[in-house]
């Protein structure tokens, strides 16, 4: 498989993070261009396959911005004002246009973790 995928897990609840908005940006120097906005499904993944694939999947620097604060508010979580985590950006590079880049996010109201998955 080639392309960019993600998966969001809510570690505080021990389940996938459903209905979280995620913005995908491409960075080019000082320019930051929104490519698309997606939302996680009941499995914490994005419907329709990779977020970025085909001719759009090119070398470069990208950023996934996870709307963690909105997700937690929708669950009824008691958050501080401002919340400790609101928008969580993960900036990464795509060097291999034939590769698979999986960028998972493990979240709670007070922490997150990511890695390059498979």
C-alpha atoms as a PDB file:
ATOM      1  CA  UNK A   1       0.000   0.000   0.000  1.00  0.00           C
ATOM      2  CA  UNK A   2       1.203   3.514  -0.728  1.00  0.00           C
ATOM      3  CA  UNK A   3      -0.147   6.772   0.623  1.00  0.00           C
ATOM      4  CA  UNK A   4      -0.845   8.474   3.931  1.00  0.00           C
ATOM      5  CA  UNK A   5      -3.100   7.001   6.608  1.00  0.00           C
ATOM      6  CA  UNK A   6      -3.835   7.757  10.259  1.00  0.00           C
ATOM      7  CA  UNK A   7      -5.578   6.196  13.246  1.00  0.00           C
ATOM      8  CA  UNK A   8      -6.601   7.950  16.475  1.00  0.00           C
ATOM      9  CA  UNK A   9      -6.993   6.123  19.774  1.00  0.00           C
ATOM     10  CA  UNK A  10      -8.330   7.690  22.973  1.00  0.00           C
ATOM     11  CA  UNK A  11      -6.042   6.217  25.622  1.00  0.00           C
ATOM     12  CA  UNK A  12      -8.095   7.640  28.521  1.00  0.00           C
ATOM     13  CA  UNK A  13     -11.189   5.722  27.386  1.00  0.00           C
ATOM     14  CA  UNK A  14      -9.382   2.775  25.812  1.00  0.00           C
ATOM     15  CA  UNK A  15     -11.183   3.043  22.477  1.00  0.00           C
ATOM     16  CA  UNK A  16     -10.932   4.615  19.015  1.00  0.00           C
ATOM     17  CA  UNK A  17     -11.493   8.380  18.845  1.00  0.00           C
ATOM     18  CA  UNK A  18     -14.643   8.697  16.741  1.00  0.00           C
ATOM     19  CA  UNK A  19     -15.714  11.929  14.979  1.00  0.00           C
ATOM     20  CA  UNK A  20     -12.425  13.800  15.350  1.00  0.00           C
ATOM     21  CA  UNK A  21     -11.707  16.362  12.637  1.00  0.00           C
ATOM     22  CA  UNK A  22      -8.236  16.250  11.082  1.00  0.00           C
ATOM     23  CA  UNK A  23      -6.772  18.840   8.697  1.00  0.00           C
ATOM     24  CA  UNK A  24      -4.011  17.913   6.261  1.00  0.00           C
ATOM     25  CA  UNK A  25      -1.636  20.677   5.142  1.00  0.00           C
ATOM     26  CA  UNK A  26       1.275  20.731   2.723  1.00  0.00           C
ATOM     27  CA  UNK A  27       4.115  23.043   3.693  1.00  0.00           C
ATOM     28  CA  UNK A  28       6.216  24.773   1.071  1.00  0.00           C
ATOM     29  CA  UNK A  29       8.654  27.237   2.616  1.00  0.00           C
ATOM     30  CA  UNK A  30       6.554  29.762   4.545  1.00  0.00           C
ATOM     31  CA  UNK A  31       3.366  28.671   2.764  1.00  0.00           C
ATOM     32  CA  UNK A  32       0.938  26.288   4.483  1.00  0.00           C
ATOM     33  CA  UNK A  33      -1.805  25.000   2.169  1.00  0.00           C
ATOM     34  CA  UNK A  34      -4.856  23.080   3.388  1.00  0.00           C
ATOM     35  CA  UNK A  35      -5.274  19.975   1.227  1.00  0.00           C
ATOM     36  CA  UNK A  36      -8.303  18.461   2.945  1.00  0.00           C
ATOM     37  CA  UNK A  37     -10.298  18.002   6.122  1.00  0.00           C
ATOM     38  CA  UNK A  38     -11.375  14.525   7.156  1.00  0.00           C
ATOM     39  CA  UNK A  39     -13.090  12.985  10.162  1.00  0.00           C
ATOM     40  CA  UNK A  40     -12.447   9.738  11.969  1.00  0.00           C
ATOM     41  CA  UNK A  41     -15.008   6.940  11.864  1.00  0.00           C
ATOM     42  CA  UNK A  42     -16.076   4.602  14.676  1.00  0.00           C
ATOM     43  CA  UNK A  43     -12.755   2.752  14.362  1.00  0.00           C
ATOM     44  CA  UNK A  44     -10.723   5.970  14.718  1.00  0.00           C
ATOM     45  CA  UNK A  45      -9.707   5.761  11.054  1.00  0.00           C
ATOM     46  CA  UNK A  46     -10.681   7.755   7.972  1.00  0.00           C
ATOM     47  CA  UNK A  47     -13.202   6.284   5.534  1.00  0.00           C
ATOM     48  CA  UNK A  48     -12.297   5.936   1.871  1.00  0.00           C
ATOM     49  CA  UNK A  49      -8.729   4.711   2.135  1.00  0.00           C
ATOM     50  CA  UNK A  50      -5.569   6.801   2.403  1.00  0.00           C
ATOM     51  CA  UNK A  51      -5.898  10.527   3.108  1.00  0.00           C
ATOM     52  CA  UNK A  52      -3.286  11.240   0.462  1.00  0.00           C
ATOM     53  CA  UNK A  53      -2.660   8.920  -2.486  1.00  0.00           C
ATOM     54  CA  UNK A  54      -1.889   8.840  -6.197  1.00  0.00           C
ATOM     55  CA  UNK A  55      -0.597  11.957  -7.939  1.00  0.00           C
ATOM     56  CA  UNK A  56      -1.191  14.037  -4.787  1.00  0.00           C
ATOM     57  CA  UNK A  57       1.169  11.800  -2.776  1.00  0.00           C
ATOM     58  CA  UNK A  58       4.480  13.548  -3.430  1.00  0.00           C
ATOM     59  CA  UNK A  59       7.708  14.217  -1.558  1.00  0.00           C
ATOM     60  CA  UNK A  60       7.531  17.113   0.835  1.00  0.00           C
ATOM     61  CA  UNK A  61       6.685  18.342   4.291  1.00  0.00           C
ATOM     62  CA  UNK A  62       3.160  17.893   5.619  1.00  0.00           C
ATOM     63  CA  UNK A  63       1.207  18.557   8.762  1.00  0.00           C
ATOM     64  CA  UNK A  64      -1.762  16.733  10.232  1.00  0.00           C
ATOM     65  CA  UNK A  65      -3.699  18.896  12.695  1.00  0.00           C
ATOM     66  CA  UNK A  66      -5.919  16.866  15.020  1.00  0.00           C
ATOM     67  CA  UNK A  67      -8.861  18.724  16.611  1.00  0.00           C
ATOM     68  CA  UNK A  68      -8.474  17.091  20.010  1.00  0.00           C
ATOM     69  CA  UNK A  69     -10.160  19.854  22.022  1.00  0.00           C
ATOM     70  CA  UNK A  70     -13.350  19.731  19.951  1.00  0.00           C
ATOM     71  CA  UNK A  71     -13.395  15.933  20.216  1.00  0.00           C
ATOM     72  CA  UNK A  72     -13.032  16.041  24.010  1.00  0.00           C
ATOM     73  CA  UNK A  73     -15.686  18.770  24.367  1.00  0.00           C
ATOM     74  CA  UNK A  74     -18.123  16.680  22.311  1.00  0.00           C
ATOM     75  CA  UNK A  75     -17.585  13.817  24.783  1.00  0.00           C
ATOM     76  CA  UNK A  76     -18.468  16.145  27.649  1.00  0.00           C
ATOM     77  CA  UNK A  77     -14.960  16.117  29.099  1.00  0.00           C
ATOM     78  CA  UNK A  78     -14.273  18.779  31.723  1.00  0.00           C
ATOM     79  CA  UNK A  79     -11.452  20.813  30.191  1.00  0.00           C
ATOM     80  CA  UNK A  80      -9.500  23.743  31.546  1.00  0.00           C
ATOM     81  CA  UNK A  81      -9.879  27.142  29.859  1.00  0.00           C
ATOM     82  CA  UNK A  82      -7.896  27.155  27.691  1.00  0.00           C
ATOM     83  CA  UNK A  83      -7.603  23.382  27.361  1.00  0.00           C
ATOM     84  CA  UNK A  84      -4.171  21.861  27.854  1.00  0.00           C
ATOM     85  CA  UNK A  85      -4.470  20.239  24.407  1.00  0.00           C
ATOM     86  CA  UNK A  86      -6.661  21.738  21.714  1.00  0.00           C
ATOM     87  CA  UNK A  87      -5.150  21.470  18.237  1.00  0.00           C
ATOM     88  CA  UNK A  88      -2.390  18.867  18.007  1.00  0.00           C
ATOM     89  CA  UNK A  89      -0.142  19.374  14.952  1.00  0.00           C
ATOM     90  CA  UNK A  90       2.151  16.629  13.743  1.00  0.00           C
ATOM     91  CA  UNK A  91       4.650  17.781  11.114  1.00  0.00           C
ATOM     92  CA  UNK A  92       6.397  15.078   9.101  1.00  0.00           C
ATOM     93  CA  UNK A  93       8.182  14.509   5.815  1.00  0.00           C
ATOM     94  CA  UNK A  94       7.368  12.188   2.946  1.00  0.00           C
ATOM     95  CA  UNK A  95      10.574  11.108   1.230  1.00  0.00           C
ATOM     96  CA  UNK A  96       9.431   7.953  -0.573  1.00  0.00           C
ATOM     97  CA  UNK A  97       6.527   8.461  -2.990  1.00  0.00           C
ATOM     98  CA  UNK A  98       6.111   4.689  -3.257  1.00  0.00           C
ATOM     99  CA  UNK A  99       5.974   4.189   0.509  1.00  0.00           C
ATOM    100  CA  UNK A 100       3.220   3.947   3.073  1.00  0.00           C
ATOM    101  CA  UNK A 101       3.219   6.608   5.760  1.00  0.00           C
ATOM    102  CA  UNK A 102       0.978   5.787   8.705  1.00  0.00           C
ATOM    103  CA  UNK A 103       0.792   8.526  11.354  1.00  0.00           C
ATOM    104  CA  UNK A 104      -1.222   7.284  14.350  1.00  0.00           C
ATOM    105  CA  UNK A 105      -2.140   9.452  17.328  1.00  0.00           C
ATOM    106  CA  UNK A 106      -2.721   8.243  20.874  1.00  0.00           C
ATOM    107  CA  UNK A 107      -4.496  10.963  22.864  1.00  0.00           C
ATOM    108  CA  UNK A 108      -5.933  11.927  26.230  1.00  0.00           C
ATOM    109  CA  UNK A 109      -6.803  15.350  27.640  1.00  0.00           C
ATOM    110  CA  UNK A 110      -3.270  15.797  28.999  1.00  0.00           C
ATOM    111  CA  UNK A 111      -0.967  13.941  26.658  1.00  0.00           C
ATOM    112  CA  UNK A 112      -0.387  12.455  23.237  1.00  0.00           C
ATOM    113  CA  UNK A 113       2.029  10.212  21.408  1.00  0.00           C
ATOM    114  CA  UNK A 114       2.737   9.416  17.773  1.00  0.00           C
ATOM    115  CA  UNK A 115       5.118   7.349  15.669  1.00  0.00           C
ATOM    116  CA  UNK A 116       5.518   6.150  12.100  1.00  0.00           C
ATOM    117  CA  UNK A 117       3.365   3.074  11.992  1.00  0.00           C
ATOM    118  CA  UNK A 118       2.913   0.388   9.386  1.00  0.00           C
END
